[in-house]
Amino acid sequence: MNKSELIDAVSAKSGLTKADTDRAFRAFVESISEALAKGDAVALVGFGTFLVRERQERSGRNPRTGESIKIASAKIPAFKAGKALKDAVN
């Protein structure tokens, strides 16, 4: 399912117009992005938690030259599925 299919499905279930659903979806994604940028986690009970994880610095290899390189540490967004979501999938 892509973004437009998701918006169509939510619009059909909620009774909102597709334009209103699209605005709500964009606001939802933007709000989560802003919270993660601040380092906060967003917990949606039953669905899951969006959070930021710290990836440690590590060594790697340049595939072209085989030379050893250092890969810098980074903050990465992550999602941890909640129990209700796991149960719905299984």
PDB file of N, CA and C in Angstrom:
ATOM      1  N   MET A   1       0.851  -1.174   0.000  1.00  0.00           N
ATOM      2  CA  MET A   1       0.000   0.000   0.000  1.00  0.00           C
ATOM      3  C   MET A   1       0.893   1.232   0.000  1.00  0.00           C
ATOM      4  N   ASN A   2       0.631   2.141  -0.910  1.00  0.00           N
ATOM      5  CA  ASN A   2       1.399   3.383  -0.940  1.00  0.00           C
ATOM      6  C   ASN A   2       0.586   4.507  -0.285  1.00  0.00           C
ATOM      7  N   LYS A   3       1.136   5.712  -0.301  1.00  0.00           N
ATOM      8  CA  LYS A   3       0.518   6.835   0.415  1.00  0.00           C
ATOM      9  C   LYS A   3      -0.879   7.134  -0.126  1.00  0.00           C
ATOM     10  N   SER A   4      -1.058   7.187  -1.431  1.00  0.00           N
ATOM     11  CA  SER A   4      -2.374   7.535  -1.977  1.00  0.00           C
ATOM     12  C   SER A   4      -3.404   6.448  -1.686  1.00  0.00           C
ATOM     13  N   GLU A   5      -2.996   5.189  -1.700  1.00  0.00           N
ATOM     14  CA  GLU A   5      -3.905   4.104  -1.353  1.00  0.00           C
ATOM     15  C   GLU A   5      -4.295   4.170   0.126  1.00  0.00           C
ATOM     16  N   LEU A   6      -3.334   4.530   0.975  1.00  0.00           N
ATOM     17  CA  LEU A   6      -3.620   4.686   2.403  1.00  0.00           C
ATOM     18  C   LEU A   6      -4.605   5.820   2.626  1.00  0.00           C
ATOM     19  N   ILE A   7      -4.398   6.927   1.957  1.00  0.00           N
ATOM     20  CA  ILE A   7      -5.301   8.071   2.095  1.00  0.00           C
ATOM     21  C   ILE A   7      -6.703   7.697   1.616  1.00  0.00           C
ATOM     22  N   ASP A   8      -6.804   6.958   0.518  1.00  0.00           N
ATOM     23  CA  ASP A   8      -8.114   6.501   0.033  1.00  0.00           C
ATOM     24  C   ASP A   8      -8.795   5.615   1.069  1.00  0.00           C
ATOM     25  N   ALA A   9      -8.060   4.689   1.664  1.00  0.00           N
ATOM     26  CA  ALA A   9      -8.629   3.765   2.648  1.00  0.00           C
ATOM     27  C   ALA A   9      -9.086   4.504   3.906  1.00  0.00           C
ATOM     28  N   VAL A  10      -8.264   5.413   4.409  1.00  0.00           N
ATOM     29  CA  VAL A  10      -8.627   6.170   5.614  1.00  0.00           C
ATOM     30  C   VAL A  10      -9.818   7.074   5.320  1.00  0.00           C
ATOM     31  N   SER A  11      -9.834   7.679   4.153  1.00  0.00           N
ATOM     32  CA  SER A  11     -10.940   8.538   3.761  1.00  0.00           C
ATOM     33  C   SER A  11     -12.248   7.759   3.718  1.00  0.00           C
ATOM     34  N   ALA A  12     -12.211   6.560   3.165  1.00  0.00           N
ATOM     35  CA  ALA A  12     -13.412   5.733   3.078  1.00  0.00           C
ATOM     36  C   ALA A  12     -13.903   5.307   4.468  1.00  0.00           C
ATOM     37  N   LYS A  13     -12.986   4.972   5.364  1.00  0.00           N
ATOM     38  CA  LYS A  13     -13.374   4.521   6.704  1.00  0.00           C
ATOM     39  C   LYS A  13     -13.837   5.669   7.600  1.00  0.00           C
ATOM     40  N   SER A  14     -13.253   6.856   7.408  1.00  0.00           N
ATOM     41  CA  SER A  14     -13.553   7.967   8.311  1.00  0.00           C
ATOM     42  C   SER A  14     -14.694   8.859   7.832  1.00  0.00           C
ATOM     43  N   GLY A  15     -14.995   8.817   6.544  1.00  0.00           N
ATOM     44  CA  GLY A  15     -16.025   9.694   6.012  1.00  0.00           C
ATOM     45  C   GLY A  15     -15.510  11.090   5.691  1.00  0.00           C
ATOM     46  N   LEU A  16     -14.213  11.316   5.893  1.00  0.00           N
ATOM     47  CA  LEU A  16     -13.608  12.598   5.541  1.00  0.00           C
ATOM     48  C   LEU A  16     -13.327  12.638   4.041  1.00  0.00           C
ATOM     49  N   THR A  17     -13.191  13.853   3.515  1.00  0.00           N
ATOM     50  CA  THR A  17     -12.814  13.957   2.108  1.00  0.00           C
ATOM     51  C   THR A  17     -11.355  13.548   1.962  1.00  0.00           C
ATOM     52  N   LYS A  18     -10.977  13.220   0.738  1.00  0.00           N
ATOM     53  CA  LYS A  18      -9.579  12.839   0.498  1.00  0.00           C
ATOM     54  C   LYS A  18      -8.637  13.994   0.792  1.00  0.00           C
ATOM     55  N   ALA A  19      -9.060  15.221   0.500  1.00  0.00           N
ATOM     56  CA  ALA A  19      -8.231  16.401   0.775  1.00  0.00           C
ATOM     57  C   ALA A  19      -8.021  16.575   2.274  1.00  0.00           C
ATOM     58  N   ASP A  20      -9.088  16.416   3.057  1.00  0.00           N
ATOM     59  CA  ASP A  20      -8.962  16.532   4.519  1.00  0.00           C
ATOM     60  C   ASP A  20      -8.093  15.414   5.083  1.00  0.00           C
ATOM     61  N   THR A  21      -8.269  14.214   4.568  1.00  0.00           N
ATOM     62  CA  THR A  21      -7.469  13.076   5.015  1.00  0.00           C
ATOM     63  C   THR A  21      -5.996  13.294   4.688  1.00  0.00           C
ATOM     64  N   ASP A  22      -5.725  13.833   3.496  1.00  0.00           N
ATOM     65  CA  ASP A  22      -4.342  14.110   3.090  1.00  0.00           C
ATOM     66  C   ASP A  22      -3.709  15.140   4.014  1.00  0.00           C
ATOM     67  N   ARG A  23      -4.445  16.210   4.339  1.00  0.00           N
ATOM     68  CA  ARG A  23      -3.918  17.236   5.261  1.00  0.00           C
ATOM     69  C   ARG A  23      -3.662  16.645   6.644  1.00  0.00           C
ATOM     70  N   ALA A  24      -4.571  15.813   7.119  1.00  0.00           N
ATOM     71  CA  ALA A  24      -4.403  15.184   8.436  1.00  0.00           C
ATOM     72  C   ALA A  24      -3.201  14.249   8.433  1.00  0.00           C
ATOM     73  N   PHE A  25      -3.038  13.489   7.365  1.00  0.00           N
ATOM     74  CA  PHE A  25      -1.906  12.567   7.261  1.00  0.00           C
ATOM     75  C   PHE A  25      -0.584  13.328   7.238  1.00  0.00           C
ATOM     76  N   ARG A  26      -0.533  14.399   6.460  1.00  0.00           N
ATOM     77  CA  ARG A  26       0.696  15.214   6.400  1.00  0.00           C
ATOM     78  C   ARG A  26       1.016  15.826   7.764  1.00  0.00           C
ATOM     79  N   ALA A  27      -0.004  16.292   8.470  1.00  0.00           N
ATOM     80  CA  ALA A  27       0.208  16.861   9.806  1.00  0.00           C
ATOM     81  C   ALA A  27       0.699  15.791  10.770  1.00  0.00           C
ATOM     82  N   PHE A  28       0.154  14.580  10.664  1.00  0.00           N
ATOM     83  CA  PHE A  28       0.571  13.453  11.492  1.00  0.00           C
ATOM     84  C   PHE A  28       2.052  13.145  11.275  1.00  0.00           C
ATOM     85  N   VAL A  29       2.450  13.001  10.021  1.00  0.00           N
ATOM     86  CA  VAL A  29       3.841  12.679   9.690  1.00  0.00           C
ATOM     87  C   VAL A  29       4.775  13.811  10.128  1.00  0.00           C
ATOM     88  N   GLU A  30       4.362  15.051   9.892  1.00  0.00           N
ATOM     89  CA  GLU A  30       5.181  16.204  10.274  1.00  0.00           C
ATOM     90  C   GLU A  30       5.354  16.286  11.788  1.00  0.00           C
ATOM     91  N   SER A  31       4.298  16.019  12.526  1.00  0.00           N
ATOM     92  CA  SER A  31       4.365  16.062  13.988  1.00  0.00           C
ATOM     93  C   SER A  31       5.302  14.986  14.530  1.00  0.00           C
ATOM     94  N   ILE A  32       5.225  13.792  13.971  1.00  0.00           N
ATOM     95  CA  ILE A  32       6.135  12.720  14.387  1.00  0.00           C
ATOM     96  C   ILE A  32       7.569  13.084  14.045  1.00  0.00           C
ATOM     97  N   SER A  33       7.797  13.621  12.849  1.00  0.00           N
ATOM     98  CA  SER A  33       9.149  14.011  12.433  1.00  0.00           C
ATOM     99  C   SER A  33       9.732  15.069  13.355  1.00  0.00           C
ATOM    100  N   GLU A  34       8.922  16.060  13.723  1.00  0.00           N
ATOM    101  CA  GLU A  34       9.395  17.113  14.622  1.00  0.00           C
ATOM    102  C   GLU A  34       9.733  16.561  16.002  1.00  0.00           C
ATOM    103  N   ALA A  35       8.914  15.653  16.512  1.00  0.00           N
ATOM    104  CA  ALA A  35       9.175  15.061  17.826  1.00  0.00           C
ATOM    105  C   ALA A  35      10.464  14.250  17.799  1.00  0.00           C
ATOM    106  N   LEU A  36      10.676  13.477  16.733  1.00  0.00           N
ATOM    107  CA  LEU A  36      11.901  12.680  16.624  1.00  0.00           C
ATOM    108  C   LEU A  36      13.125  13.576  16.471  1.00  0.00           C
ATOM    109  N   ALA A  37      12.990  14.679  15.751  1.00  0.00           N
ATOM    110  CA  ALA A  37      14.107  15.609  15.588  1.00  0.00           C
ATOM    111  C   ALA A  37      14.531  16.196  16.938  1.00  0.00           C
ATOM    112  N   LYS A  38      13.576  16.354  17.863  1.00  0.00           N
ATOM    113  CA  LYS A  38      13.887  16.854  19.209  1.00  0.00           C
ATOM    114  C   LYS A  38      14.447  15.754  20.112  1.00  0.00           C
ATOM    115  N   GLY A  39      14.376  14.501  19.636  1.00  0.00           N
ATOM    116  CA  GLY A  39      14.865  13.390  20.445  1.00  0.00           C
ATOM    117  C   GLY A  39      13.778  12.717  21.266  1.00  0.00           C
ATOM    118  N   ASP A  40      12.530  13.145  21.076  1.00  0.00           N
ATOM    119  CA  ASP A  40      11.407  12.553  21.805  1.00  0.00           C
ATOM    120  C   ASP A  40      10.933  11.281  21.109  1.00  0.00           C
ATOM    121  N   ALA A  41      10.278  10.416  21.845  1.00  0.00           N
ATOM    122  CA  ALA A  41       9.636   9.228  21.285  1.00  0.00           C
ATOM    123  C   ALA A  41       8.138   9.517  21.189  1.00  0.00           C
ATOM    124  N   VAL A  42       7.489   8.899  20.207  1.00  0.00           N
ATOM    125  CA  VAL A  42       6.049   9.041  20.038  1.00  0.00           C
ATOM    126  C   VAL A  42       5.432   7.662  20.220  1.00  0.00           C
ATOM    127  N   ALA A  43       4.685   7.484  21.315  1.00  0.00           N
ATOM    128  CA  ALA A  43       4.084   6.190  21.633  1.00  0.00           C
ATOM    129  C   ALA A  43       2.593   6.224  21.330  1.00  0.00           C
ATOM    130  N   LEU A  44       2.158   5.322  20.470  1.00  0.00           N
ATOM    131  CA  LEU A  44       0.745   5.161  20.147  1.00  0.00           C
ATOM    132  C   LEU A  44       0.327   3.810  20.715  1.00  0.00           C
ATOM    133  N   VAL A  45      -0.342   3.830  21.857  1.00  0.00           N
ATOM    134  CA  VAL A  45      -0.671   2.606  22.587  1.00  0.00           C
ATOM    135  C   VAL A  45      -1.438   1.645  21.677  1.00  0.00           C
ATOM    136  N   GLY A  46      -0.970   0.413  21.629  1.00  0.00           N
ATOM    137  CA  GLY A  46      -1.593  -0.610  20.801  1.00  0.00           C
ATOM    138  C   GLY A  46      -1.038  -0.673  19.395  1.00  0.00           C
ATOM    139  N   PHE A  47      -0.482   0.426  18.916  1.00  0.00           N
ATOM    140  CA  PHE A  47       0.073   0.454  17.558  1.00  0.00           C
ATOM    141  C   PHE A  47       1.579   0.292  17.576  1.00  0.00           C
ATOM    142  N   GLY A  48       2.259   1.192  18.279  1.00  0.00           N
ATOM    143  CA  GLY A  48       3.709   1.104  18.359  1.00  0.00           C
ATOM    144  C   GLY A  48       4.330   2.409  18.794  1.00  0.00           C
ATOM    145  N   THR A  49       5.655   2.429  18.770  1.00  0.00           N
ATOM    146  CA  THR A  49       6.415   3.593  19.212  1.00  0.00           C
ATOM    147  C   THR A  49       7.429   3.983  18.157  1.00  0.00           C
ATOM    148  N   PHE A  50       7.419   5.262  17.804  1.00  0.00           N
ATOM    149  CA  PHE A  50       8.440   5.830  16.933  1.00  0.00           C
ATOM    150  C   PHE A  50       9.508   6.401  17.853  1.00  0.00           C
ATOM    151  N   LEU A  51      10.780   6.085  17.599  1.00  0.00           N
ATOM    152  CA  LEU A  51      11.847   6.568  18.459  1.00  0.00           C
ATOM    153  C   LEU A  51      13.131   6.775  17.664  1.00  0.00           C
ATOM    154  N   VAL A  52      14.099   7.388  18.324  1.00  0.00           N
ATOM    155  CA  VAL A  52      15.399   7.630  17.711  1.00  0.00           C
ATOM    156  C   VAL A  52      16.410   6.723  18.387  1.00  0.00           C
ATOM    157  N   ARG A  53      17.167   6.012  17.580  1.00  0.00           N
ATOM    158  CA  ARG A  53      18.227   5.152  18.101  1.00  0.00           C
ATOM    159  C   ARG A  53      19.576   5.711  17.687  1.00  0.00           C
ATOM    160  N   GLU A  54      20.556   5.506  18.532  1.00  0.00           N
ATOM    161  CA  GLU A  54      21.922   5.958  18.273  1.00  0.00           C
ATOM    162  C   GLU A  54      22.718   4.791  17.687  1.00  0.00           C
ATOM    163  N   ARG A  55      23.231   4.978  16.496  1.00  0.00           N
ATOM    164  CA  ARG A  55      24.089   3.961  15.888  1.00  0.00           C
ATOM    165  C   ARG A  55      25.538   4.347  16.193  1.00  0.00           C
ATOM    166  N   GLN A  56      26.271   3.429  16.793  1.00  0.00           N
ATOM    167  CA  GLN A  56      27.652   3.694  17.199  1.00  0.00           C
ATOM    168  C   GLN A  56      28.582   3.780  15.994  1.00  0.00           C
ATOM    169  N   GLU A  57      29.696   4.472  16.202  1.00  0.00           N
ATOM    170  CA  GLU A  57      30.735   4.527  15.172  1.00  0.00           C
ATOM    171  C   GLU A  57      31.282   3.124  14.972  1.00  0.00           C
ATOM    172  N   ARG A  58      31.558   2.787  13.717  1.00  0.00           N
ATOM    173  CA  ARG A  58      32.071   1.452  13.444  1.00  0.00           C
ATOM    174  C   ARG A  58      33.013   1.511  12.250  1.00  0.00           C
ATOM    175  N   SER A  59      33.751   0.440  12.072  1.00  0.00           N
ATOM    176  CA  SER A  59      34.649   0.393  10.919  1.00  0.00           C
ATOM    177  C   SER A  59      33.989  -0.423   9.821  1.00  0.00           C
ATOM    178  N   GLY A  60      34.318  -0.087   8.592  1.00  0.00           N
ATOM    179  CA  GLY A  60      33.785  -0.772   7.425  1.00  0.00           C
ATOM    180  C   GLY A  60      34.843  -0.835   6.343  1.00  0.00           C
ATOM    181  N   ARG A  61      34.461  -1.320   5.202  1.00  0.00           N
ATOM    182  CA  ARG A  61      35.389  -1.423   4.078  1.00  0.00           C
ATOM    183  C   ARG A  61      34.789  -0.747   2.855  1.00  0.00           C
ATOM    184  N   ASN A  62      35.641  -0.016   2.159  1.00  0.00           N
ATOM    185  CA  ASN A  62      35.256   0.556   0.875  1.00  0.00           C
ATOM    186  C   ASN A  62      35.204  -0.605  -0.120  1.00  0.00           C
ATOM    187  N   PRO A  63      34.029  -0.908  -0.698  1.00  0.00           N
ATOM    188  CA  PRO A  63      33.930  -2.067  -1.581  1.00  0.00           C
ATOM    189  C   PRO A  63      34.751  -1.926  -2.860  1.00  0.00           C
ATOM    190  N   ARG A  64      35.039  -0.717  -3.262  1.00  0.00           N
ATOM    191  CA  ARG A  64      35.803  -0.498  -4.485  1.00  0.00           C
ATOM    192  C   ARG A  64      37.298  -0.765  -4.292  1.00  0.00           C
ATOM    193  N   THR A  65      37.816  -0.271  -3.160  1.00  0.00           N
ATOM    194  CA  THR A  65      39.266  -0.369  -2.936  1.00  0.00           C
ATOM    195  C   THR A  65      39.639  -1.402  -1.881  1.00  0.00           C
ATOM    196  N   GLY A  66      38.678  -1.800  -1.054  1.00  0.00           N
ATOM    197  CA  GLY A  66      38.980  -2.722   0.031  1.00  0.00           C
ATOM    198  C   GLY A  66      39.603  -2.024   1.230  1.00  0.00           C
ATOM    199  N   GLU A  67      39.771  -0.715   1.138  1.00  0.00           N
ATOM    200  CA  GLU A  67      40.380   0.065   2.220  1.00  0.00           C
ATOM    201  C   GLU A  67      39.446   0.138   3.419  1.00  0.00           C
ATOM    202  N   SER A  68      40.009   0.047   4.613  1.00  0.00           N
ATOM    203  CA  SER A  68      39.235   0.150   5.843  1.00  0.00           C
ATOM    204  C   SER A  68      38.888   1.620   6.083  1.00  0.00           C
ATOM    205  N   ILE A  69      37.618   1.885   6.418  1.00  0.00           N
ATOM    206  CA  ILE A  69      37.169   3.251   6.681  1.00  0.00           C
ATOM    207  C   ILE A  69      36.378   3.277   7.980  1.00  0.00           C
ATOM    208  N   LYS A  70      36.249   4.469   8.575  1.00  0.00           N
ATOM    209  CA  LYS A  70      35.426   4.647   9.758  1.00  0.00           C
ATOM    210  C   LYS A  70      34.067   5.179   9.329  1.00  0.00           C
ATOM    211  N   ILE A  71      33.009   4.557   9.831  1.00  0.00           N
ATOM    212  CA  ILE A  71      31.650   5.009   9.575  1.00  0.00           C
ATOM    213  C   ILE A  71      31.203   5.748  10.827  1.00  0.00           C
ATOM    214  N   ALA A  72      30.849   7.005  10.663  1.00  0.00           N
ATOM    215  CA  ALA A  72      30.513   7.864  11.794  1.00  0.00           C
ATOM    216  C   ALA A  72      29.247   7.391  12.509  1.00  0.00           C
ATOM    217  N   SER A  73      29.144   7.748  13.777  1.00  0.00           N
ATOM    218  CA  SER A  73      27.922   7.442  14.528  1.00  0.00           C
ATOM    219  C   SER A  73      26.790   8.288  13.950  1.00  0.00           C
ATOM    220  N   ALA A  74      25.572   7.821  14.123  1.00  0.00           N
ATOM    221  CA  ALA A  74      24.425   8.530  13.565  1.00  0.00           C
ATOM    222  C   ALA A  74      23.181   8.242  14.394  1.00  0.00           C
ATOM    223  N   LYS A  75      22.247   9.162  14.344  1.00  0.00           N
ATOM    224  CA  LYS A  75      20.937   8.958  14.942  1.00  0.00           C
ATOM    225  C   LYS A  75      20.016   8.487  13.828  1.00  0.00           C
ATOM    226  N   ILE A  76      19.275   7.396  14.086  1.00  0.00           N
ATOM    227  CA  ILE A  76      18.384   6.859  13.065  1.00  0.00           C
ATOM    228  C   ILE A  76      16.973   6.704  13.627  1.00  0.00           C
ATOM    229  N   PRO A  77      15.962   7.001  12.808  1.00  0.00           N
ATOM    230  CA  PRO A  77      14.593   6.781  13.270  1.00  0.00           C
ATOM    231  C   PRO A  77      14.285   5.294  13.276  1.00  0.00           C
ATOM    232  N   ALA A  78      13.446   4.883  14.222  1.00  0.00           N
ATOM    233  CA  ALA A  78      13.081   3.472  14.328  1.00  0.00           C
ATOM    234  C   ALA A  78      11.619   3.372  14.742  1.00  0.00           C
ATOM    235  N   PHE A  79      11.041   2.205  14.502  1.00  0.00           N
ATOM    236  CA  PHE A  79       9.665   1.935  14.907  1.00  0.00           C
ATOM    237  C   PHE A  79       9.631   0.593  15.602  1.00  0.00           C
ATOM    238  N   LYS A  80       9.010   0.568  16.764  1.00  0.00           N
ATOM    239  CA  LYS A  80       8.845  -0.671  17.526  1.00  0.00           C
ATOM    240  C   LYS A  80       7.352  -0.964  17.582  1.00  0.00           C
ATOM    241  N   ALA A  81       6.938  -2.060  16.958  1.00  0.00           N
ATOM    242  CA  ALA A  81       5.526  -2.405  16.880  1.00  0.00           C
ATOM    243  C   ALA A  81       4.973  -2.763  18.249  1.00  0.00           C
ATOM    244  N   GLY A  82       3.742  -2.339  18.503  1.00  0.00           N
ATOM    245  CA  GLY A  82       3.067  -2.667  19.748  1.00  0.00           C
ATOM    246  C   GLY A  82       2.410  -4.033  19.698  1.00  0.00           C
ATOM    247  N   LYS A  83       1.953  -4.500  20.831  1.00  0.00           N
ATOM    248  CA  LYS A  83       1.374  -5.846  20.933  1.00  0.00           C
ATOM    249  C   LYS A  83       0.145  -6.012  20.055  1.00  0.00           C
ATOM    250  N   ALA A  84      -0.744  -5.032  20.040  1.00  0.00           N
ATOM    251  CA  ALA A  84      -1.960  -5.137  19.242  1.00  0.00           C
ATOM    252  C   ALA A  84      -1.652  -5.223  17.750  1.00  0.00           C
ATOM    253  N   LEU A  85      -0.665  -4.486  17.298  1.00  0.00           N
ATOM    254  CA  LEU A  85      -0.263  -4.539  15.894  1.00  0.00           C
ATOM    255  C   LEU A  85       0.360  -5.896  15.566  1.00  0.00           C
ATOM    256  N   LYS A  86       1.203  -6.397  16.465  1.00  0.00           N
ATOM    257  CA  LYS A  86       1.808  -7.717  16.257  1.00  0.00           C
ATOM    258  C   LYS A  86       0.736  -8.793  16.194  1.00  0.00           C
ATOM    259  N   ASP A  87      -0.242  -8.697  17.100  1.00  0.00           N
ATOM    260  CA  ASP A  87      -1.320  -9.682  17.125  1.00  0.00           C
ATOM    261  C   ASP A  87      -2.183  -9.605  15.863  1.00  0.00           C
ATOM    262  N   ALA A  88      -2.411  -8.401  15.344  1.00  0.00           N
ATOM    263  CA  ALA A  88      -3.214  -8.248  14.135  1.00  0.00           C
ATOM    264  C   ALA A  88      -2.529  -8.851  12.917  1.00  0.00           C
ATOM    265  N   VAL A  89      -1.200  -8.802  12.906  1.00  0.00           N
ATOM    266  CA  VAL A  89      -0.443  -9.341  11.774  1.00  0.00           C
ATOM    267  C   VAL A  89      -0.369 -10.854  11.828  1.00  0.00           C
ATOM    268  N   ASN A  90      -0.296 -11.404  13.035  1.00  0.00           N
ATOM    269  CA  ASN A  90      -0.166 -12.869  13.165  1.00  0.00           C
ATOM    270  C   ASN A  90      -1.480 -13.569  13.216  1.00  0.00           C
TER     271      ASN A  90
END
